[in-house]
C-alpha atoms as a PDB file:
ATOM      1  CA  MET A   1      39.726   8.109 -97.395  1.00  0.00           C
ATOM      2  CA  LEU A   2      38.398   8.498 -94.105  1.00  0.00           C
ATOM      3  CA  VAL A   3      35.012  10.209 -93.335  1.00  0.00           C
ATOM      4  CA  ARG A   4      34.342  11.011 -89.687  1.00  0.00           C
ATOM      5  CA  ASN A   5      31.040  12.038 -88.177  1.00  0.00           C
ATOM      6  CA  SER A   6      29.105  11.843 -84.994  1.00  0.00           C
ATOM      7  CA  GLN A   7      28.244   8.152 -85.854  1.00  0.00           C
ATOM      8  CA  GLY A   8      31.818   7.061 -86.224  1.00  0.00           C
ATOM      9  CA  THR A   9      34.451   6.588 -89.029  1.00  0.00           C
ATOM     10  CA  LEU A  10      33.838   5.436 -92.644  1.00  0.00           C
ATOM     11  CA  ARG A  11      36.537   4.346 -94.896  1.00  0.00           C
ATOM     12  CA  LEU A  12      35.961   4.812 -98.678  1.00  0.00           C
ATOM     13  CA  ARG A  13      38.043   3.532-101.564  1.00  0.00           C
ATOM     14  CA  ARG A  14      39.487   6.305-103.618  1.00  0.00           C
ATOM     15  CA  SER A  15      37.943   4.740-106.729  1.00  0.00           C
ATOM     16  CA  ARG A  16      34.393   5.149-105.330  1.00  0.00           C
ATOM     17  CA  ILE A  17      34.817   8.904-104.760  1.00  0.00           C
ATOM     18  CA  ARG A  18      33.593  10.946-107.756  1.00  0.00           C
ATOM     19  CA  SER A  19      34.329  14.398-106.364  1.00  0.00           C
ATOM     20  CA  VAL A  20      34.989  16.231-103.115  1.00  0.00           C
ATOM     21  CA  GLU A  21      33.185  19.460-102.319  1.00  0.00           C
ATOM     22  CA  LEU A  22      34.772  21.779 -99.813  1.00  0.00           C
ATOM     23  CA  GLY A  23      32.702  23.692 -97.226  1.00  0.00           C
ATOM     24  CA  LEU A  24      32.697  27.502 -97.377  1.00  0.00           C
ATOM     25  CA  PRO A  25      35.343  27.966 -94.749  1.00  0.00           C
ATOM     26  CA  SER A  26      37.655  25.741 -96.557  1.00  0.00           C
ATOM     27  CA  ARG A  27      36.993  27.440 -99.851  1.00  0.00           C
ATOM     28  CA  MET A  28      37.727  30.829 -98.301  1.00  0.00           C
ATOM     29  CA  ALA A  29      40.958  29.495 -96.696  1.00  0.00           C
ATOM     30  CA  GLN A  30      42.332  27.941-100.051  1.00  0.00           C
ATOM     31  CA  LEU A  31      41.865  31.204-101.981  1.00  0.00           C
ATOM     32  CA  LYS A  32      45.077  33.114-102.444  1.00  0.00           C
ATOM     33  CA  ASP A  33      45.223  36.843-101.555  1.00  0.00           C
ATOM     34  CA  ASP A  34      46.241  37.699-105.005  1.00  0.00           C
ATOM     35  CA  ASP A  35      43.331  35.759-106.677  1.00  0.00           C
ATOM     36  CA  LEU A  36      41.096  38.549-107.664  1.00  0.00           C
ATOM     37  CA  ALA A  37      38.656  36.748-109.836  1.00  0.00           C
ATOM     38  CA  GLY A  38      38.473  33.811-107.334  1.00  0.00           C
ATOM     39  CA  LEU A  39      37.784  36.237-104.410  1.00  0.00           C
ATOM     40  CA  VAL A  40      35.032  38.102-106.244  1.00  0.00           C
ATOM     41  CA  GLU A  41      33.501  34.992-107.647  1.00  0.00           C
ATOM     42  CA  LEU A  42      33.123  33.329-104.224  1.00  0.00           C
ATOM     43  CA  ALA A  43      31.967  36.692-102.650  1.00  0.00           C
ATOM     44  CA  ARG A  44      29.236  37.013-105.188  1.00  0.00           C
ATOM     45  CA  TRP A  45      28.204  33.327-104.552  1.00  0.00           C
ATOM     46  CA  CYS A  46      28.153  34.088-100.849  1.00  0.00           C
ATOM     47  CA  ARG A  47      25.933  36.890-101.517  1.00  0.00           C
ATOM     48  CA  THR A  48      23.273  34.919-103.402  1.00  0.00           C
ATOM     49  CA  LYS A  49      23.328  32.376-100.472  1.00  0.00           C
ATOM     50  CA  GLY A  50      22.811  35.136 -97.901  1.00  0.00           C
ATOM     51  CA  HIS A  51      26.391  34.692 -96.493  1.00  0.00           C
ATOM     52  CA  ASN A  52      26.904  38.371 -96.311  1.00  0.00           C
ATOM     53  CA  VAL A  53      29.697  38.322 -93.555  1.00  0.00           C
ATOM     54  CA  GLU A  54      31.766  36.122 -95.609  1.00  0.00           C
ATOM     55  CA  ALA A  55      31.031  38.026 -98.739  1.00  0.00           C
ATOM     56  CA  LEU A  56      32.379  41.168 -97.036  1.00  0.00           C
ATOM     57  CA  GLN A  57      35.343  39.420 -95.762  1.00  0.00           C
ATOM     58  CA  LEU A  58      36.213  38.237 -99.407  1.00  0.00           C
ATOM     59  CA  LEU A  59      35.750  41.583-100.894  1.00  0.00           C
ATOM     60  CA  GLU A  60      37.893  43.143 -98.086  1.00  0.00           C
ATOM     61  CA  ARG A  61      40.772  40.941 -99.493  1.00  0.00           C
ATOM     62  CA  ALA A  62      39.744  41.706-103.070  1.00  0.00           C
ATOM     63  CA  ARG A  63      39.700  45.472-102.767  1.00  0.00           C
ATOM     64  CA  LYS A  64      43.430  45.589-101.946  1.00  0.00           C
ATOM     65  CA  LEU A  65      44.193  44.318-105.524  1.00  0.00           C
ATOM     66  CA  PRO A  66      44.353  46.397-108.545  1.00  0.00           C
ATOM     67  CA  GLY A  67      41.629  45.829-111.063  1.00  0.00           C
ATOM     68  CA  LEU A  68      38.539  45.524-108.827  1.00  0.00           C
ATOM     69  CA  ALA A  69      35.581  46.003-111.214  1.00  0.00           C
ATOM     70  CA  LEU A  70      33.283  49.096-110.684  1.00  0.00           C
ATOM     71  CA  GLU A  71      30.209  46.989-110.059  1.00  0.00           C
ATOM     72  CA  ASP A  72      32.163  44.768-107.594  1.00  0.00           C
ATOM     73  CA  ALA A  73      33.006  47.981-105.804  1.00  0.00           C
ATOM     74  CA  GLY A  74      29.372  48.680-105.724  1.00  0.00           C
ATOM     75  CA  LEU A  75      28.556  45.357-104.041  1.00  0.00           C
ATOM     76  CA  TYR A  76      31.329  46.091-101.437  1.00  0.00           C
ATOM     77  CA  ALA A  77      29.518  49.481-100.602  1.00  0.00           C
ATOM     78  CA  GLN A  78      26.236  47.509-100.242  1.00  0.00           C
ATOM     79  CA  LEU A  79      27.809  45.005 -97.914  1.00  0.00           C
ATOM     80  CA  VAL A  80      29.417  47.813 -95.792  1.00  0.00           C
ATOM     81  CA  ASP A  81      26.080  49.541 -95.610  1.00  0.00           C
ATOM     82  CA  GLU A  82      24.300  46.487 -94.538  1.00  0.00           C
ATOM     83  CA  MET A  83      26.937  45.095 -92.020  1.00  0.00           C
ATOM     84  CA  GLN A  84      28.331  48.411 -90.752  1.00  0.00           C
ATOM     85  CA  GLY A  85      25.606  51.035 -91.340  1.00  0.00           C
ATOM     86  CA  PRO A  86      24.990  53.816 -93.810  1.00  0.00           C
ATOM     87  CA  GLU A  87      27.458  56.239 -92.318  1.00  0.00           C
ATOM     88  CA  ALA A  88      30.361  53.852 -93.240  1.00  0.00           C
ATOM     89  CA  ALA A  89      29.030  53.310 -96.825  1.00  0.00           C
ATOM     90  CA  VAL A  90      28.315  56.879 -97.770  1.00  0.00           C
ATOM     91  CA  PRO A  91      31.885  57.614 -99.110  1.00  0.00           C
ATOM     92  CA  LEU A  92      31.961  54.512-101.005  1.00  0.00           C
ATOM     93  CA  TYR A  93      28.579  55.011-102.608  1.00  0.00           C
ATOM     94  CA  ALA A  94      29.548  58.643-103.593  1.00  0.00           C
ATOM     95  CA  TRP A  95      32.726  57.346-105.210  1.00  0.00           C
ATOM     96  CA  TYR A  96      30.699  54.561-106.925  1.00  0.00           C
ATOM     97  CA  ARG A  97      28.226  57.123-108.523  1.00  0.00           C
ATOM     98  CA  LYS A  98      31.011  59.632-109.498  1.00  0.00           C
ATOM     99  CA  ALA A  99      32.908  56.744-111.234  1.00  0.00           C
ATOM    100  CA  GLY A 100      29.904  55.907-113.313  1.00  0.00           C
ATOM    101  CA  GLY A 101      28.270  52.967-111.439  1.00  0.00           C
ATOM    102  CA  ALA A 102      25.031  51.707-113.059  1.00  0.00           C
ATOM    103  CA  ASP A 103      23.581  49.002-110.841  1.00  0.00           C
ATOM    104  CA  LYS A 104      20.000  50.165-110.277  1.00  0.00           C
ATOM    105  CA  ARG A 105      19.896  48.544-106.923  1.00  0.00           C
ATOM    106  CA  VAL A 106      22.946  50.432-105.784  1.00  0.00           C
ATOM    107  CA  LEU A 107      21.771  53.705-107.244  1.00  0.00           C
ATOM    108  CA  GLY A 108      18.235  53.148-105.723  1.00  0.00           C
ATOM    109  CA  ARG A 109      19.830  52.838-102.339  1.00  0.00           C
ATOM    110  CA  ILE A 110      21.872  55.963-102.922  1.00  0.00           C
ATOM    111  CA  LYS A 111      18.762  57.852-103.689  1.00  0.00           C
ATOM    112  CA  GLU A 112      17.118  56.345-100.537  1.00  0.00           C
ATOM    113  CA  LEU A 113      20.029  57.620 -98.400  1.00  0.00           C
ATOM    114  CA  GLU A 114      19.911  61.001-100.015  1.00  0.00           C
ATOM    115  CA  ASP A 115      16.142  61.352 -99.333  1.00  0.00           C
ATOM    116  CA  ALA A 116      16.914  60.617 -95.694  1.00  0.00           C
ATOM    117  CA  GLY A 117      19.296  63.553 -95.679  1.00  0.00           C
ATOM    118  CA  ALA A 118      22.674  61.920 -96.285  1.00  0.00           C
ATOM    119  CA  ASP A 119      25.280  64.023 -98.150  1.00  0.00           C
ATOM    120  CA  LEU A 120      26.896  62.065-101.118  1.00  0.00           C
ATOM    121  CA  SER A 121      27.811  65.291-103.091  1.00  0.00           C
ATOM    122  CA  GLY A 122      31.603  64.793-102.325  1.00  0.00           C
ATOM    123  CA  PRO A 123      34.133  62.824-104.287  1.00  0.00           C
ATOM    124  CA  GLY A 124      33.835  59.836-101.999  1.00  0.00           C
ATOM    125  CA  THR A 125      36.343  57.105-101.248  1.00  0.00           C
ATOM    126  CA  ALA A 126      37.507  54.279-103.471  1.00  0.00           C
ATOM    127  CA  PRO A 127      37.341  50.853-102.033  1.00  0.00           C
ATOM    128  CA  ALA A 128      41.149  50.502-102.085  1.00  0.00           C
ATOM    129  CA  MET A 129      41.539  53.653-100.071  1.00  0.00           C
ATOM    130  CA  ALA A 130      38.815  52.890 -97.540  1.00  0.00           C
ATOM    131  CA  ALA A 131      39.506  52.152 -94.010  1.00  0.00           C
ATOM    132  CA  ALA A 132      39.620  48.313 -93.242  1.00  0.00           C
ATOM    133  CA  VAL A 133      36.128  47.068 -92.334  1.00  0.00           C
ATOM    134  CA  LYS A 134      35.872  44.288 -89.738  1.00  0.00           C
ATOM    135  CA  PRO A 135      32.513  42.676 -90.467  1.00  0.00           C
ATOM    136  CA  GLU A 136      30.383  42.330 -87.415  1.00  0.00           C
ATOM    137  CA  ALA A 137      29.461  38.708 -86.987  1.00  0.00           C
ATOM    138  CA  PRO A 138      25.661  38.302 -86.867  1.00  0.00           C
ATOM    139  CA  VAL A 139      24.035  36.508 -84.012  1.00  0.00           C
ATOM    140  CA  GLU A 140      24.504  32.977 -84.562  1.00  0.00           C
ATOM    141  CA  ALA A 141      23.261  29.823 -82.770  1.00  0.00           C
ATOM    142  CA  ALA A 142      25.786  27.520 -81.343  1.00  0.00           C
ATOM    143  CA  ALA A 143      23.786  24.510 -82.119  1.00  0.00           C
ATOM    144  CA  ALA A 144      20.990  25.492 -84.350  1.00  0.00           C
ATOM    145  CA  LYS A 145      18.526  22.567 -85.404  1.00  0.00           C
ATOM    146  CA  ALA A 146      16.567  22.361 -88.504  1.00  0.00           C
ATOM    147  CA  SER A 147      13.499  23.224 -86.556  1.00  0.00           C
ATOM    148  CA  ASP A 148      14.848  26.667 -85.357  1.00  0.00           C
ATOM    149  CA  GLY A 149      13.433  29.724 -86.800  1.00  0.00           C
ATOM    150  CA  LEU A 150      14.533  32.519 -88.747  1.00  0.00           C
ATOM    151  CA  GLU A 151      15.604  34.452 -85.682  1.00  0.00           C
ATOM    152  CA  MET A 152      18.469  32.167 -84.972  1.00  0.00           C
ATOM    153  CA  LYS A 153      20.991  33.666 -87.119  1.00  0.00           C
ATOM    154  CA  GLY A 154      21.887  37.091 -89.036  1.00  0.00           C
ATOM    155  CA  TRP A 155      20.124  39.681 -86.963  1.00  0.00           C
ATOM    156  CA  GLY A 156      21.795  42.802 -85.773  1.00  0.00           C
ATOM    157  CA  PRO A 157      20.788  46.391 -84.637  1.00  0.00           C
ATOM    158  CA  GLU A 158      19.695  48.957 -87.100  1.00  0.00           C
ATOM    159  CA  SER A 159      21.938  52.063 -87.577  1.00  0.00           C
ATOM    160  CA  ALA A 160      21.800  54.613 -84.825  1.00  0.00           C
ATOM    161  CA  GLN A 161      20.886  57.092 -87.380  1.00  0.00           C
ATOM    162  CA  TYR A 162      17.427  55.492 -87.682  1.00  0.00           C
ATOM    163  CA  SER A 163      16.972  53.587 -84.380  1.00  0.00           C
ATOM    164  CA  ASN A 164      17.231  53.632 -80.661  1.00  0.00           C
ATOM    165  CA  GLN A 165      20.048  51.322 -79.282  1.00  0.00           C
ATOM    166  CA  SER A 166      19.582  47.644 -78.855  1.00  0.00           C
ATOM    167  CA  ALA A 167      21.697  44.689 -78.046  1.00  0.00           C
ATOM    168  CA  LEU A 168      21.048  41.119 -79.160  1.00  0.00           C
ATOM    169  CA  LYS A 169      21.922  37.658 -77.987  1.00  0.00           C
ATOM    170  CA  LEU A 170      20.703  34.146 -77.865  1.00  0.00           C
ATOM    171  CA  VAL A 171      19.354  32.775 -74.707  1.00  0.00           C
ATOM    172  CA  ASP A 172      17.876  29.666 -73.262  1.00  0.00           C
ATOM    173  CA  ALA A 173      14.138  29.623 -72.500  1.00  0.00           C
ATOM    174  CA  THR A 174      11.979  27.122 -70.635  1.00  0.00           C
ATOM    175  CA  ALA A 175       8.578  26.218 -69.828  1.00  0.00           C
ATOM    176  CA  LYS A 176       8.487  28.464 -66.918  1.00  0.00           C
ATOM    177  CA  ASP A 177       9.017  31.477 -69.237  1.00  0.00           C
ATOM    178  CA  GLY A 178       5.670  30.702 -70.960  1.00  0.00           C
ATOM    179  CA  PHE A 179       6.703  28.412 -73.662  1.00  0.00           C
ATOM    180  CA  ALA A 180       5.520  24.930 -74.499  1.00  0.00           C
ATOM    181  CA  SER A 181       9.086  23.470 -74.146  1.00  0.00           C
ATOM    182  CA  ALA A 182      12.683  24.561 -73.729  1.00  0.00           C
ATOM    183  CA  ARG A 183      14.146  26.405 -76.682  1.00  0.00           C
ATOM    184  CA  LYS A 184      16.700  28.973 -77.850  1.00  0.00           C
ATOM    185  CA  VAL A 185      15.251  32.572 -78.325  1.00  0.00           C
ATOM    186  CA  LEU A 186      16.603  35.815 -79.500  1.00  0.00           C
ATOM    187  CA  GLU A 187      16.740  38.371 -76.782  1.00  0.00           C
ATOM    188  CA  VAL A 188      16.517  41.827 -77.871  1.00  0.00           C
ATOM    189  CA  ALA A 189      17.341  44.436 -75.162  1.00  0.00           C
ATOM    190  CA  PHE A 190      16.316  47.911 -76.243  1.00  0.00           C
ATOM    191  CA  THR A 191      17.193  51.354 -74.637  1.00  0.00           C
ATOM    192  CA  GLY A 192      15.080  54.459 -74.697  1.00  0.00           C
ATOM    193  CA  GLY A 193      16.287  57.403 -76.770  1.00  0.00           C
ATOM    194  CA  ASP A 194      15.423  60.189 -79.080  1.00  0.00           C
ATOM    195  CA  LYS A 195      13.875  57.913 -81.863  1.00  0.00           C
ATOM    196  CA  ASP A 196      10.308  56.645 -81.889  1.00  0.00           C
ATOM    197  CA  LYS A 197      11.507  53.028 -82.111  1.00  0.00           C
ATOM    198  CA  ALA A 198      14.306  50.455 -81.655  1.00  0.00           C
ATOM    199  CA  ALA A 199      14.813  48.188 -84.786  1.00  0.00           C
ATOM    200  CA  VAL A 200      16.748  45.090 -85.516  1.00  0.00           C
ATOM    201  CA  ARG A 201      17.349  43.805 -88.902  1.00  0.00           C
ATOM    202  CA  ARG A 202      18.439  40.789 -90.949  1.00  0.00           C
ATOM    203  CA  THR A 203      19.657  41.008 -94.647  1.00  0.00           C
ATOM    204  CA  VAL A 204      18.188  38.243 -96.692  1.00  0.00           C
ATOM    205  CA  SER A 205      17.630  37.175-100.236  1.00  0.00           C
ATOM    206  CA  TYR A 206      14.106  35.658-100.307  1.00  0.00           C
ATOM    207  CA  SER A 207      11.455  34.973-102.841  1.00  0.00           C
ATOM    208  CA  VAL A 208       8.219  34.706-100.903  1.00  0.00           C
ATOM    209  CA  ALA A 209       5.900  31.967-102.270  1.00  0.00           C
ATOM    210  CA  PRO A 210       2.287  33.186-102.706  1.00  0.00           C
ATOM    211  CA  ASP A 211       1.015  30.190-100.700  1.00  0.00           C
ATOM    212  CA  ALA A 212       3.338  30.854 -97.586  1.00  0.00           C
ATOM    213  CA  ALA A 213       3.233  34.675 -97.357  1.00  0.00           C
ATOM    214  CA  LEU A 214       2.368  34.853 -93.787  1.00  0.00           C
ATOM    215  CA  LEU A 215       5.433  35.607 -91.606  1.00  0.00           C
ATOM    216  CA  ALA A 216       4.754  34.418 -88.059  1.00  0.00           C
ATOM    217  CA  PHE A 217       6.904  34.904 -84.915  1.00  0.00           C
ATOM    218  CA  THR A 218       6.514  34.652 -81.042  1.00  0.00           C
ATOM    219  CA  VAL A 219       7.142  37.715 -78.800  1.00  0.00           C
ATOM    220  CA  ALA A 220       7.662  37.328 -75.126  1.00  0.00           C
ATOM    221  CA  ASN A 221       7.517  40.607 -73.523  1.00  0.00           C
ATOM    222  CA  ARG A 222      10.059  40.751 -70.617  1.00  0.00           C
ATOM    223  CA  SER A 223       9.545  44.496 -70.108  1.00  0.00           C
ATOM    224  CA  GLU A 224       7.771  46.452 -67.516  1.00  0.00           C
ATOM    225  CA  GLN A 225       5.241  47.886 -69.912  1.00  0.00           C
ATOM    226  CA  THR A 226       3.268  46.932 -72.964  1.00  0.00           C
ATOM    227  CA  VAL A 227       5.298  46.884 -76.173  1.00  0.00           C
ATOM    228  CA  ARG A 228       4.192  47.721 -79.794  1.00  0.00           C
ATOM    229  CA  ILE A 229       5.786  45.562 -82.399  1.00  0.00           C
ATOM    230  CA  ALA A 230       5.773  46.150 -86.190  1.00  0.00           C
ATOM    231  CA  LEU A 231       7.339  44.352 -89.136  1.00  0.00           C
ATOM    232  CA  ALA A 232       9.239  46.102 -91.811  1.00  0.00           C
ATOM    233  CA  VAL A 233      10.300  44.686 -95.075  1.00  0.00           C
ATOM    234  CA  LYS A 234      12.698  45.925 -97.786  1.00  0.00           C
ATOM    235  CA  THR A 235      12.320  44.794-101.421  1.00  0.00           C
ATOM    236  CA  GLY A 236      13.652  45.451-104.948  1.00  0.00           C
ATOM    237  CA  SER A 237      15.738  48.616-104.837  1.00  0.00           C
ATOM    238  CA  TRP A 238      15.506  48.615-100.998  1.00  0.00           C
ATOM    239  CA  VAL A 239      12.058  49.939-100.929  1.00  0.00           C
ATOM    240  CA  TYR A 240      10.687  50.242 -97.351  1.00  0.00           C
ATOM    241  CA  PHE A 241       7.272  48.803 -96.242  1.00  0.00           C
ATOM    242  CA  GLU A 242       6.049  48.814 -92.618  1.00  0.00           C
ATOM    243  CA  SER A 243       3.099  46.870 -91.123  1.00  0.00           C
ATOM    244  CA  ASP A 244       0.605  48.146 -88.506  1.00  0.00           C
ATOM    245  CA  GLN A 245       1.696  47.898 -84.905  1.00  0.00           C
ATOM    246  CA  ARG A 246       0.676  44.951 -82.558  1.00  0.00           C
ATOM    247  CA  LEU A 247       0.461  45.192 -78.775  1.00  0.00           C
ATOM    248  CA  VAL A 248       2.068  42.566 -76.572  1.00  0.00           C
ATOM    249  CA  PRO A 249       1.227  43.338 -72.897  1.00  0.00           C
ATOM    250  CA  LYS A 250       3.842  42.956 -70.086  1.00  0.00           C
ATOM    251  CA  GLY A 251       4.645  39.494 -69.111  1.00  0.00           C
ATOM    252  CA  GLU A 252       2.722  37.856 -72.068  1.00  0.00           C
ATOM    253  CA  VAL A 253       4.063  35.480 -74.696  1.00  0.00           C
ATOM    254  CA  LYS A 254       2.137  36.091 -77.888  1.00  0.00           C
ATOM    255  CA  GLU A 255       2.311  34.870 -81.531  1.00  0.00           C
ATOM    256  CA  LEU A 256       2.102  37.590 -84.182  1.00  0.00           C
ATOM    257  CA  ARG A 257       1.194  37.060 -87.863  1.00  0.00           C
ATOM    258  CA  PHE A 258       1.937  39.479 -90.655  1.00  0.00           C
ATOM    259  CA  ASP A 259       0.396  38.832 -94.096  1.00  0.00           C
ATOM    260  CA  LEU A 260       2.843  39.934 -96.630  1.00  0.00           C
ATOM    261  CA  ARG A 261       0.071  40.065 -99.373  1.00  0.00           C
ATOM    262  CA  ALA A 262      -2.196  42.391 -97.347  1.00  0.00           C
ATOM    263  CA  LYS A 263      -2.761  45.961 -98.564  1.00  0.00           C
ATOM    264  CA  THR A 264      -2.144  47.288 -95.201  1.00  0.00           C
ATOM    265  CA  TYR A 265       1.672  48.566 -95.335  1.00  0.00           C
ATOM    266  CA  LYS A 266       2.773  52.095 -95.345  1.00  0.00           C
ATOM    267  CA  CYS A 267       5.413  53.285 -97.714  1.00  0.00           C
ATOM    268  CA  ALA A 268       6.684  56.367 -99.419  1.00  0.00           C
ATOM    269  CA  ALA A 269       4.368  55.633-102.348  1.00  0.00           C
ATOM    270  CA  SER A 270       1.246  55.518-100.083  1.00  0.00           C
ATOM    271  CA  ASP A 271       2.437  58.791 -98.451  1.00  0.00           C
ATOM    272  CA  TRP A 272       3.035  56.740 -95.204  1.00  0.00           C
ATOM    273  CA  ALA A 273      -0.683  55.637 -94.946  1.00  0.00           C
ATOM    274  CA  HIS A 274      -1.323  51.874 -94.278  1.00  0.00           C
ATOM    275  CA  ALA A 275      -2.814  51.256 -97.694  1.00  0.00           C
ATOM    276  CA  SER A 276      -0.329  49.698 -99.787  1.00  0.00           C
ATOM    277  CA  ALA A 277       0.662  46.089-100.736  1.00  0.00           C
ATOM    278  CA  ILE A 278       4.373  45.122-100.475  1.00  0.00           C
ATOM    279  CA  GLN A 279       5.859  45.099-103.947  1.00  0.00           C
ATOM    280  CA  ASN A 280       8.473  42.738-105.365  1.00  0.00           C
ATOM    281  CA  LEU A 281       7.977  40.000-102.878  1.00  0.00           C
ATOM    282  CA  ASP A 282      10.160  37.898-105.192  1.00  0.00           C
ATOM    283  CA  ASP A 283      13.019  40.057-104.246  1.00  0.00           C
ATOM    284  CA  VAL A 284      13.036  40.575-100.487  1.00  0.00           C
ATOM    285  CA  LYS A 285      16.295  42.264 -99.274  1.00  0.00           C
ATOM    286  CA  GLU A 286      15.673  42.771 -95.617  1.00  0.00           C
ATOM    287  CA  LEU A 287      13.481  41.931 -92.674  1.00  0.00           C
ATOM    288  CA  GLN A 288      13.103  44.342 -89.698  1.00  0.00           C
ATOM    289  CA  VAL A 289      11.365  43.872 -86.396  1.00  0.00           C
ATOM    290  CA  LEU A 290      10.292  47.281 -84.890  1.00  0.00           C
ATOM    291  CA  ILE A 291       9.889  47.970 -81.151  1.00  0.00           C
ATOM    292  CA  TYR A 292       8.082  51.247 -80.687  1.00  0.00           C
ATOM    293  CA  ASN A 293       9.564  52.286 -77.315  1.00  0.00           C
ATOM    294  CA  LYS A 294      10.435  56.079 -77.507  1.00  0.00           C
ATOM    295  CA  ASP A 295      12.158  56.680 -74.170  1.00  0.00           C
ATOM    296  CA  LYS A 296      11.290  53.317 -72.695  1.00  0.00           C
ATOM    297  CA  SER A 297      13.721  50.504 -72.089  1.00  0.00           C
ATOM    298  CA  GLY A 298      12.961  46.880 -71.874  1.00  0.00           C
ATOM    299  CA  THR A 299      13.605  43.386 -73.186  1.00  0.00           C
ATOM    300  CA  VAL A 300      11.724  41.084 -75.673  1.00  0.00           C
ATOM    301  CA  TRP A 301      12.377  37.575 -76.668  1.00  0.00           C
ATOM    302  CA  LEU A 302      11.754  36.494 -80.390  1.00  0.00           C
ATOM    303  CA  SER A 303      11.348  33.026 -81.428  1.00  0.00           C
ATOM    304  CA  GLU A 304       9.679  30.444 -84.001  1.00  0.00           C
ATOM    305  CA  MET A 305       9.984  32.902 -86.937  1.00  0.00           C
ATOM    306  CA  ALA A 306       8.870  31.305 -90.097  1.00  0.00           C
ATOM    307  CA  PHE A 307       6.923  31.911 -93.342  1.00  0.00           C
ATOM    308  CA  VAL A 308       3.570  29.916 -92.974  1.00  0.00           C
ATOM    309  CA  PRO A 309       0.554  29.149 -95.258  1.00  0.00           C
ATOM    310  CA  SER A 310      -2.323  31.394 -94.883  1.00  0.00           C
ATOM    311  CA  PRO A 311      -5.512  29.844 -93.505  1.00  0.00           C
ATOM    312  CA  GLU A 312      -7.299  29.872 -96.825  1.00  0.00           C
ATOM    313  CA  GLN A 313      -4.518  28.132 -98.580  1.00  0.00           C
END
């Protein structure tokens, strides 16, 4: 057997090979379109690893087959919600609940949408009858390194129902831009609108360690005005927590740090006062960076996002 990498070619005897583990693209390609169990199993594995685009692609194939289990249909609705936005998922959620779905996480998300004004009273749409969804690939780094931050992949704009418009892409920054060295950064170009903020989000599956509960990232403000930045976290049954706002003046590059253990977050339970701790940090579902811009447009660069130890640790 020949193994090729950037260092050259290595020839191995077959007798010395115990097993061959396929990468995710190969595993997806080898699955047959009529293998319902295989498609669902790999989709659920992708979900646990945070490969949500691939999970949705697999369930798009699985939903065309007879016999898709109800709770797998619930996962499909969740993925459509996260990848395409709540509007596309509402008919799927409505059908799931009417069919007797029991997953507390899905039902919690349905309640959250209804509390926000969504109408899920209709019969809904079964996954097999839904329009085909083309998963939007999240922003990916062409050559991400181990030292790259959490901003390098998986981010996309929040639904237009909740957020002003934004566009994301990876760009190259240099020392002339205020950084210590050249690096890739996530550019967020936001547009003013009728909402109070522009939000970008990343679906995750994190358990935050108590000794590394500071989320830090650097913001380079490329706008013509000071920007106000906040962090939002969804945990458990997609419960929303939002930090206080931090100012980054025009033209400055500033590191922001958010202590996820602090009792300074607002949520529904605190009547939207900044007086709550984030619950269920062992089950973080989503991260959001919020740019409070109202009718102002501009650009920020995000970089070096990571969980770091708190000073007292």
